[in-house]
Amino acid sequence: MKTVSTYVPDLGVHDKNLEKLSSELHSFHSYPGRFAPEIPREIISSYSKPYDVILDNFCGVGTSLIQAVLQKRNAIGVDSHPLACLIAKVKSSPIEPAFLKKECFRILDILTELIIMLRKDNYELVTRSYHLPNFPNKEEWFHPFVLKELTVVYSIIKKVEEQDIKNFLLVCFSSILREVCNPTHYKFIADNMVPRKSQYCDVLNVFAKKLIKMIDTNENFYRVRPKDISSEVFCEDSRNLFMLKDSSIDLALTSPPYLNQLDYMKMHRLSFYWLEIPLDYSNEIGARAKRGRKKCVSDYYDDMKTCMREVYRVLKDDSYYVMIVGDCTKLNNKSIHIYQELVKIAQQVGFKFKGKVKKNQDGFFFRNHDKSNCEWIIFLQK
């Protein structure tokens, strides 16, 4: 095990095949604020051993869970974001390939026949026979024919009885919504964003291509995934890890929510609308929507303290909690060094601060959101 004082993350390529697989799993579905797979991979390798239990208490779409499983660690993820948990479950729990192919290609055959027929019928049958979820501004976000083709795809997926297959198809469906919706200035869905123009996109073609890629990746993961390793995802609030026993976790690591930078749920609201998931972000920690509240900063620190207490409770003695956090954020033109405050809070909870490692960042998000272009890997020990 490396000592933190000399720890430098090895971000180079290890096993090229596993690296490629990890990247393909990573691309199942877009999600903001993900950390690069090599970071949890290296942390898990350095601070745990095979068959240990790894916890990510803000697991998002399961990047760390996949890295844990690939290294023969049992993985537990917790997140309050319903869509993220659905994606994490699908990514980290591959389905028997022959069964998945059979069911998915059966659905594709049905969809191909229906949508070709509907195009000939000028989509009149869609209005009479299929379920279109009711959500605001749908005509602004989707070309009329795209809206009807999505309605057919979603309605057929809803009828699938095998839950694992249905979940796989729902993640694929959700993942194409940004691609087939009317274009915007950015690649994500922000608060007041309005599409620039109405544009038709071949839904069946986009869905089929994405589904085939996911099927191939699932098969590759199924072949290498250790059969004696488990992974679980709980769609719960990280402030109460009631599902975990005291001193049951060998290593915890996470990238916690940024303070007032992202609305993780609102950014995926098209998926929430289509999948008919209630869009309730009132308890979302650090949500950008809360940035105007007087107590938004203190509320964030209180929430993080509660989360840390729970992680401290479930960790075994001498085990590590590793957090990847932003250097600072700005609020009312004042810089707030989040990582420094989180270290203080961790020490109040009882953790020993063992050191930190700087990680430079780049990209659109860091250049345009009053955010420093570096993050810190913080090492805490119980």
Protein backbone atom coordinates (compact mmCIF):
# COMPACT_ATOMS: atom_id res chain seq x y z
CA MET A 1 0.00 0.00 0.00
CA LYS A 2 1.32 3.42 -0.96
CA THR A 3 1.82 6.10 1.65
CA VAL A 4 -0.07 9.31 0.98
CA SER A 5 3.03 11.45 1.40
CA THR A 6 4.59 9.82 -1.66
CA TYR A 7 1.37 9.01 -3.50
CA VAL A 8 1.23 10.07 -7.13
CA PRO A 9 -1.71 8.66 -9.12
CA ASP A 10 -0.51 6.44 -11.94
CA LEU A 11 -2.81 7.60 -14.73
CA GLY A 12 -1.14 5.61 -17.47
CA VAL A 13 -2.67 2.67 -19.29
CA HIS A 14 -2.48 -0.64 -17.45
CA ASP A 15 -4.34 -3.42 -19.27
CA LYS A 16 -5.28 -1.97 -22.67
CA ASN A 17 -8.26 -4.28 -23.09
CA LEU A 18 -9.70 -3.39 -19.68
CA GLU A 19 -8.96 0.27 -20.34
CA LYS A 20 -10.94 0.09 -23.59
CA LEU A 21 -13.78 -1.77 -21.87
CA SER A 22 -13.88 0.78 -19.08
CA SER A 23 -14.10 3.59 -21.63
CA GLU A 24 -16.94 1.85 -23.48
CA LEU A 25 -18.90 1.33 -20.26
CA HIS A 26 -18.22 4.96 -19.39
CA SER A 27 -19.93 5.99 -22.65
CA PHE A 28 -23.22 4.18 -21.95
CA HIS A 29 -24.81 7.45 -20.87
CA SER A 30 -23.60 11.03 -20.45
CA TYR A 31 -23.46 12.43 -16.92
CA PRO A 32 -21.94 15.67 -15.57
CA GLY A 33 -19.08 15.83 -13.09
CA ARG A 34 -17.81 12.27 -13.54
CA PHE A 35 -14.27 11.54 -12.57
CA ALA A 36 -11.99 9.80 -15.05
CA PRO A 37 -11.98 5.99 -14.54
CA GLU A 38 -8.23 5.84 -13.96
CA ILE A 39 -8.54 7.80 -10.70
CA PRO A 40 -10.77 5.33 -8.80
CA ARG A 41 -8.87 2.48 -10.47
CA GLU A 42 -5.57 3.63 -8.99
CA ILE A 43 -7.03 4.49 -5.58
CA ILE A 44 -8.77 1.12 -5.30
CA SER A 45 -5.60 -0.69 -6.36
CA SER A 46 -3.47 1.19 -3.82
CA TYR A 47 -5.75 1.25 -0.76
CA SER A 48 -7.63 -2.05 -0.85
CA LYS A 49 -7.11 -5.71 -1.67
CA PRO A 50 -9.12 -8.29 -3.63
CA TYR A 51 -12.54 -9.16 -2.16
CA ASP A 52 -12.63 -6.03 0.00
CA VAL A 53 -15.87 -4.05 0.07
CA ILE A 54 -15.68 -0.65 -1.65
CA LEU A 55 -18.23 2.12 -1.06
CA ASP A 56 -18.97 5.16 -3.22
CA ASN A 57 -21.55 7.19 -1.31
CA PHE A 58 -22.13 9.56 -4.28
CA CYS A 59 -21.75 6.92 -6.96
CA GLY A 60 -23.45 8.76 -9.83
CA VAL A 61 -23.43 6.45 -12.85
CA GLY A 62 -21.09 3.92 -11.26
CA THR A 63 -17.58 4.72 -12.53
CA SER A 64 -15.92 3.65 -9.28
CA LEU A 65 -18.14 0.57 -8.98
CA ILE A 66 -16.96 -0.75 -12.34
CA GLN A 67 -13.33 -0.13 -11.42
CA ALA A 68 -13.83 -1.97 -8.14
CA VAL A 69 -15.44 -4.97 -9.82
CA LEU A 70 -12.74 -5.17 -12.50
CA GLN A 71 -10.16 -5.38 -9.69
CA LYS A 72 -12.05 -8.12 -7.82
CA ARG A 73 -13.52 -5.89 -5.13
CA ASN A 74 -17.14 -6.00 -4.01
CA ALA A 75 -18.82 -2.69 -4.78
CA ILE A 76 -21.60 -0.70 -3.13
CA GLY A 77 -22.93 2.53 -4.59
CA VAL A 78 -25.38 5.00 -3.07
CA ASP A 79 -26.97 7.97 -4.82
CA SER A 80 -30.26 9.84 -4.58
CA HIS A 81 -30.43 10.48 -8.34
CA PRO A 82 -32.89 7.86 -9.73
CA LEU A 83 -31.63 8.04 -13.30
CA ALA A 84 -27.98 7.82 -12.23
CA CYS A 85 -28.77 4.74 -10.13
CA LEU A 86 -30.53 3.09 -13.06
CA ILE A 87 -27.50 3.72 -15.28
CA ALA A 88 -25.09 2.50 -12.57
CA LYS A 89 -27.03 -0.73 -12.12
CA VAL A 90 -27.08 -1.45 -15.84
CA LYS A 91 -23.38 -0.64 -16.29
CA SER A 92 -22.12 -2.62 -13.30
CA SER A 93 -24.32 -5.73 -13.66
CA PRO A 94 -23.89 -7.28 -17.13
CA ILE A 95 -26.60 -9.56 -18.47
CA GLU A 96 -25.99 -13.04 -19.95
CA PRO A 97 -25.06 -12.08 -23.54
CA ALA A 98 -27.10 -14.63 -25.52
CA PHE A 99 -30.28 -13.79 -23.61
CA LEU A 100 -29.69 -10.05 -23.94
CA LYS A 101 -29.06 -10.26 -27.69
CA LYS A 102 -32.15 -12.38 -28.26
CA GLU A 103 -34.44 -10.01 -26.38
CA CYS A 104 -32.96 -6.77 -27.71
CA PHE A 105 -33.00 -7.87 -31.33
CA ARG A 106 -36.58 -9.05 -30.88
CA ILE A 107 -37.48 -5.53 -29.70
CA LEU A 108 -35.53 -3.97 -32.59
CA ASP A 109 -37.46 -6.13 -35.08
CA ILE A 110 -40.75 -4.98 -33.58
CA LEU A 111 -39.68 -1.32 -33.61
CA THR A 112 -38.41 -1.49 -37.19
CA GLU A 113 -41.66 -2.94 -38.46
CA LEU A 114 -43.80 -0.47 -36.50
CA ILE A 115 -41.89 2.69 -37.32
CA ILE A 116 -41.65 1.87 -41.04
CA MET A 117 -45.39 1.30 -41.05
CA LEU A 118 -46.01 4.50 -39.11
CA ARG A 119 -43.91 6.56 -41.50
CA LYS A 120 -46.04 5.29 -44.37
CA ASP A 121 -49.16 6.15 -42.38
CA ASN A 122 -47.78 9.66 -41.70
CA TYR A 123 -47.71 8.81 -37.96
CA GLU A 124 -51.50 8.94 -37.57
CA LEU A 125 -51.53 5.63 -35.68
CA VAL A 126 -49.20 6.99 -33.00
CA THR A 127 -51.77 9.43 -31.68
CA ARG A 128 -54.35 6.67 -31.31
CA SER A 129 -52.29 3.72 -30.06
CA TYR A 130 -49.22 4.73 -28.03
CA HIS A 131 -48.48 6.41 -24.74
CA LEU A 132 -46.77 9.81 -24.88
CA PRO A 133 -45.75 11.02 -21.40
CA ASN A 134 -47.13 14.45 -20.61
CA PHE A 135 -44.38 16.98 -19.92
CA PRO A 136 -43.83 20.72 -20.52
CA ASN A 137 -42.55 22.16 -23.81
CA LYS A 138 -42.17 18.79 -25.50
CA GLU A 139 -43.04 20.30 -28.89
CA GLU A 140 -40.18 22.79 -28.45
CA TRP A 141 -37.64 20.10 -27.60
CA PHE A 142 -38.55 17.57 -30.27
CA HIS A 143 -39.47 17.65 -33.95
CA PRO A 144 -43.08 16.38 -34.33
CA PHE A 145 -41.99 13.18 -36.09
CA VAL A 146 -39.16 12.59 -33.60
CA LEU A 147 -41.66 12.97 -30.79
CA LYS A 148 -43.88 10.30 -32.32
CA GLU A 149 -41.03 7.87 -33.04
CA LEU A 150 -39.77 8.24 -29.46
CA THR A 151 -43.31 7.58 -28.27
CA VAL A 152 -43.35 4.26 -30.13
CA VAL A 153 -39.93 3.22 -28.83
CA TYR A 154 -40.78 4.09 -25.23
CA SER A 155 -44.20 2.40 -25.39
CA ILE A 156 -42.69 -0.87 -26.65
CA ILE A 157 -39.93 -0.80 -24.00
CA LYS A 158 -42.55 -0.31 -21.27
CA LYS A 159 -44.18 -3.59 -22.27
CA VAL A 160 -40.98 -5.64 -21.70
CA GLU A 161 -41.56 -7.95 -18.72
CA GLU A 162 -37.98 -8.95 -17.83
CA GLN A 163 -36.81 -6.09 -15.59
CA ASP A 164 -33.09 -6.32 -16.36
CA ILE A 165 -33.78 -6.18 -20.10
CA LYS A 166 -36.22 -3.31 -19.64
CA ASN A 167 -33.66 -1.36 -17.59
CA PHE A 168 -31.00 -1.94 -20.27
CA LEU A 169 -33.36 -0.65 -22.97
CA LEU A 170 -34.44 2.34 -20.86
CA VAL A 171 -30.81 3.42 -20.35
CA CYS A 172 -30.25 3.16 -24.10
CA PHE A 173 -33.42 5.16 -24.75
CA SER A 174 -32.46 7.84 -22.23
CA SER A 175 -28.95 8.10 -23.63
CA ILE A 176 -30.15 9.13 -27.12
CA LEU A 177 -32.56 11.88 -26.03
CA ARG A 178 -30.00 14.66 -26.21
CA GLU A 179 -28.87 13.46 -29.63
CA VAL A 180 -32.35 13.40 -31.16
CA CYS A 181 -33.79 16.49 -29.47
CA ASN A 182 -33.74 19.87 -31.20
CA PRO A 183 -30.20 21.33 -31.05
CA THR A 184 -29.12 23.87 -28.44
CA HIS A 185 -26.03 26.02 -27.99
CA TYR A 186 -24.56 23.58 -25.47
CA LYS A 187 -24.29 19.83 -25.18
CA PHE A 188 -26.33 19.74 -21.98
CA ILE A 189 -29.74 20.96 -20.84
CA ALA A 190 -29.38 24.10 -18.72
CA ASP A 191 -31.93 26.10 -16.73
CA ASN A 192 -33.34 28.49 -19.33
CA MET A 193 -32.08 26.86 -22.49
CA VAL A 194 -34.30 27.02 -25.57
CA PRO A 195 -33.69 24.91 -28.70
CA ARG A 196 -32.49 26.90 -31.70
CA LYS A 197 -34.56 25.16 -34.38
CA SER A 198 -36.72 22.14 -35.03
CA GLN A 199 -34.76 19.34 -36.65
CA TYR A 200 -35.74 15.81 -37.65
CA CYS A 201 -33.51 12.91 -36.58
CA ASP A 202 -33.93 9.23 -37.43
CA VAL A 203 -34.78 7.87 -33.97
CA LEU A 204 -34.81 4.22 -35.00
CA ASN A 205 -31.34 4.44 -36.54
CA VAL A 206 -29.82 6.28 -33.57
CA PHE A 207 -31.44 3.92 -31.05
CA ALA A 208 -30.39 0.78 -32.96
CA LYS A 209 -26.75 1.90 -33.32
CA LYS A 210 -26.48 2.78 -29.64
CA LEU A 211 -28.18 -0.44 -28.53
CA ILE A 212 -25.85 -2.63 -30.61
CA LYS A 213 -22.80 -0.88 -29.12
CA MET A 214 -24.16 -1.40 -25.62
CA ILE A 215 -24.87 -5.07 -26.33
CA ASP A 216 -21.28 -5.63 -27.49
CA THR A 217 -19.87 -3.83 -24.44
CA ASN A 218 -22.13 -5.83 -22.11
CA GLU A 219 -20.79 -9.06 -23.62
CA ASN A 220 -17.18 -7.97 -23.17
CA PHE A 221 -17.82 -6.99 -19.56
CA TYR A 222 -19.72 -10.22 -18.84
CA ARG A 223 -16.72 -12.27 -20.00
CA VAL A 224 -14.18 -10.57 -17.72
CA ARG A 225 -16.35 -9.73 -14.71
CA PRO A 226 -15.37 -11.97 -11.77
CA LYS A 227 -18.33 -14.21 -10.98
CA ASP A 228 -17.63 -14.27 -7.23
CA ILE A 229 -17.79 -10.46 -6.88
CA SER A 230 -20.95 -8.52 -6.08
CA SER A 231 -22.09 -5.00 -6.88
CA GLU A 232 -25.10 -3.24 -5.41
CA VAL A 233 -26.63 0.17 -6.07
CA PHE A 234 -28.97 1.82 -3.58
CA CYS A 235 -31.11 4.76 -4.67
CA GLU A 236 -31.03 6.42 -1.28
CA ASP A 237 -29.89 9.59 0.49
CA SER A 238 -26.19 9.48 1.41
CA ARG A 239 -26.99 11.27 4.65
CA ASN A 240 -28.47 8.02 5.96
CA LEU A 241 -26.64 4.81 5.05
CA PHE A 242 -29.13 2.69 6.95
CA MET A 243 -28.57 -0.25 4.60
CA LEU A 244 -24.93 -0.63 5.76
CA LYS A 245 -23.71 -2.07 9.05
CA ASP A 246 -21.15 -0.39 11.28
CA SER A 247 -17.51 -1.11 10.37
CA SER A 248 -18.44 -3.07 7.23
CA ILE A 249 -16.54 -1.10 4.53
CA ASP A 250 -12.85 -1.52 3.65
CA LEU A 251 -12.47 1.59 1.49
CA ALA A 252 -14.74 4.51 0.67
CA LEU A 253 -14.12 6.90 -2.19
CA THR A 254 -16.25 9.43 -3.99
CA SER A 255 -16.49 12.66 -5.91
CA PRO A 256 -19.08 14.60 -3.87
CA PRO A 257 -21.49 17.13 -5.42
CA TYR A 258 -20.04 20.49 -6.35
CA LEU A 259 -21.35 23.47 -4.39
CA ASN A 260 -23.84 25.49 -6.48
CA GLN A 261 -22.32 24.40 -9.79
CA LEU A 262 -24.66 21.74 -11.15
CA ASP A 263 -28.29 20.69 -11.02
CA TYR A 264 -27.73 17.00 -11.61
CA MET A 265 -31.43 16.17 -11.86
CA LYS A 266 -32.61 19.21 -13.80
CA MET A 267 -29.86 18.68 -16.38
CA HIS A 268 -31.45 15.30 -17.11
CA ARG A 269 -35.03 16.48 -17.00
CA LEU A 270 -35.82 15.24 -20.52
CA SER A 271 -34.94 11.73 -19.36
CA PHE A 272 -36.97 12.21 -16.17
CA TYR A 273 -39.97 13.34 -18.22
CA TRP A 274 -39.81 10.50 -20.73
CA LEU A 275 -39.13 7.78 -18.13
CA GLU A 276 -41.88 9.28 -15.94
CA ILE A 277 -39.57 9.66 -12.95
CA PRO A 278 -40.78 12.35 -10.48
CA LEU A 279 -38.44 15.34 -10.77
CA ASP A 280 -37.82 16.27 -7.13
CA TYR A 281 -34.49 17.99 -6.49
CA SER A 282 -35.47 19.66 -3.20
CA ASN A 283 -33.06 17.44 -1.23
CA GLU A 284 -30.23 17.51 -3.78
CA ILE A 285 -27.01 18.44 -1.97
CA GLY A 286 -25.28 21.56 -3.31
CA ALA A 287 -27.73 22.03 -6.19
CA ARG A 288 -27.19 25.12 -8.34
CA ALA A 289 -30.89 25.92 -7.96
CA LYS A 290 -30.21 26.69 -4.28
CA ARG A 291 -27.44 29.24 -4.96
CA GLY A 292 -29.68 32.23 -4.16
CA ARG A 293 -30.51 31.04 -0.64
CA LYS A 294 -28.82 32.76 2.28
CA LYS A 295 -27.87 29.47 3.91
CA CYS A 296 -26.84 27.60 0.75
CA VAL A 297 -23.16 27.34 1.81
CA SER A 298 -23.79 26.41 5.44
CA ASP A 299 -26.50 23.95 4.35
CA TYR A 300 -23.98 22.31 2.00
CA TYR A 301 -21.40 21.96 4.77
CA ASP A 302 -24.04 20.59 7.18
CA ASP A 303 -25.14 18.03 4.60
CA MET A 304 -21.55 16.98 3.89
CA LYS A 305 -20.87 16.64 7.61
CA THR A 306 -23.86 14.32 7.97
CA CYS A 307 -22.63 12.25 5.02
CA MET A 308 -19.13 12.02 6.47
CA ARG A 309 -20.48 10.86 9.82
CA GLU A 310 -22.25 8.01 8.05
CA VAL A 311 -19.13 7.05 6.09
CA TYR A 312 -17.10 7.16 9.31
CA ARG A 313 -19.64 4.85 10.97
CA VAL A 314 -19.56 2.20 8.24
CA LEU A 315 -15.78 2.23 7.64
CA LYS A 316 -13.54 -0.28 9.38
CA ASP A 317 -10.87 1.08 11.71
CA ASP A 318 -7.75 2.39 9.94
CA SER A 319 -9.56 2.32 6.57
CA TYR A 320 -9.43 5.22 4.13
CA TYR A 321 -12.04 7.63 2.80
CA VAL A 322 -10.78 9.31 -0.39
CA MET A 323 -12.60 12.30 -1.87
CA ILE A 324 -11.98 14.04 -5.19
CA VAL A 325 -13.14 17.64 -4.76
CA GLY A 326 -12.85 20.93 -6.62
CA ASP A 327 -10.26 23.48 -5.56
CA CYS A 328 -12.70 26.35 -5.18
CA THR A 329 -15.95 27.86 -6.38
CA LYS A 330 -17.28 31.41 -6.48
CA LEU A 331 -20.39 32.74 -4.80
CA ASN A 332 -21.29 36.44 -4.83
CA ASN A 333 -17.84 37.11 -6.34
CA LYS A 334 -16.13 35.45 -3.37
CA SER A 335 -13.86 32.43 -3.76
CA ILE A 336 -14.68 29.51 -1.49
CA HIS A 337 -12.01 26.83 -1.09
CA ILE A 338 -14.27 23.83 -0.74
CA TYR A 339 -11.58 21.21 -0.22
CA GLN A 340 -10.12 23.08 2.77
CA GLU A 341 -13.52 23.32 4.46
CA LEU A 342 -14.28 19.66 3.81
CA VAL A 343 -10.99 18.64 5.42
CA LYS A 344 -11.92 20.66 8.54
CA ILE A 345 -15.34 19.04 8.65
CA ALA A 346 -13.82 15.56 8.25
CA GLN A 347 -11.51 16.20 11.19
CA GLN A 348 -14.48 17.33 13.29
CA VAL A 349 -16.21 14.04 12.48
CA GLY A 350 -13.14 12.09 13.63
CA PHE A 351 -11.15 11.40 10.47
CA LYS A 352 -7.40 11.88 10.38
CA PHE A 353 -6.24 14.01 7.45
CA LYS A 354 -3.45 12.06 5.77
CA GLY A 355 -2.66 14.31 2.83
CA LYS A 356 -3.81 15.59 -0.55
CA VAL A 357 -2.75 15.32 -4.20
CA LYS A 358 -3.44 17.98 -6.82
CA LYS A 359 -5.05 17.01 -10.11
CA ASN A 360 -5.30 19.51 -12.96
CA GLN A 361 -8.50 19.76 -14.93
CA ASP A 362 -9.47 21.14 -18.29
CA GLY A 363 -12.50 21.37 -20.51
CA PHE A 364 -15.62 23.40 -21.11
CA PHE A 365 -17.07 23.05 -17.61
CA PHE A 366 -13.96 24.28 -15.84
CA ARG A 367 -13.45 27.20 -18.23
CA ASN A 368 -17.01 28.52 -18.04
CA HIS A 369 -18.37 27.96 -14.54
CA ASP A 370 -16.28 30.15 -12.20
CA LYS A 371 -14.44 27.04 -11.20
CA SER A 372 -10.75 26.46 -10.64
CA ASN A 373 -9.05 24.25 -13.18
CA CYS A 374 -7.80 21.79 -10.59
CA GLU A 375 -9.17 19.27 -8.14
CA TRP A 376 -7.75 17.73 -4.98
CA ILE A 377 -7.62 14.07 -4.05
CA ILE A 378 -8.08 14.15 -0.27
CA PHE A 379 -7.00 11.20 1.87
CA LEU A 380 -8.79 10.66 5.19
CA GLN A 381 -8.38 7.74 7.60
CA LYS A 382 -10.63 6.44 10.34
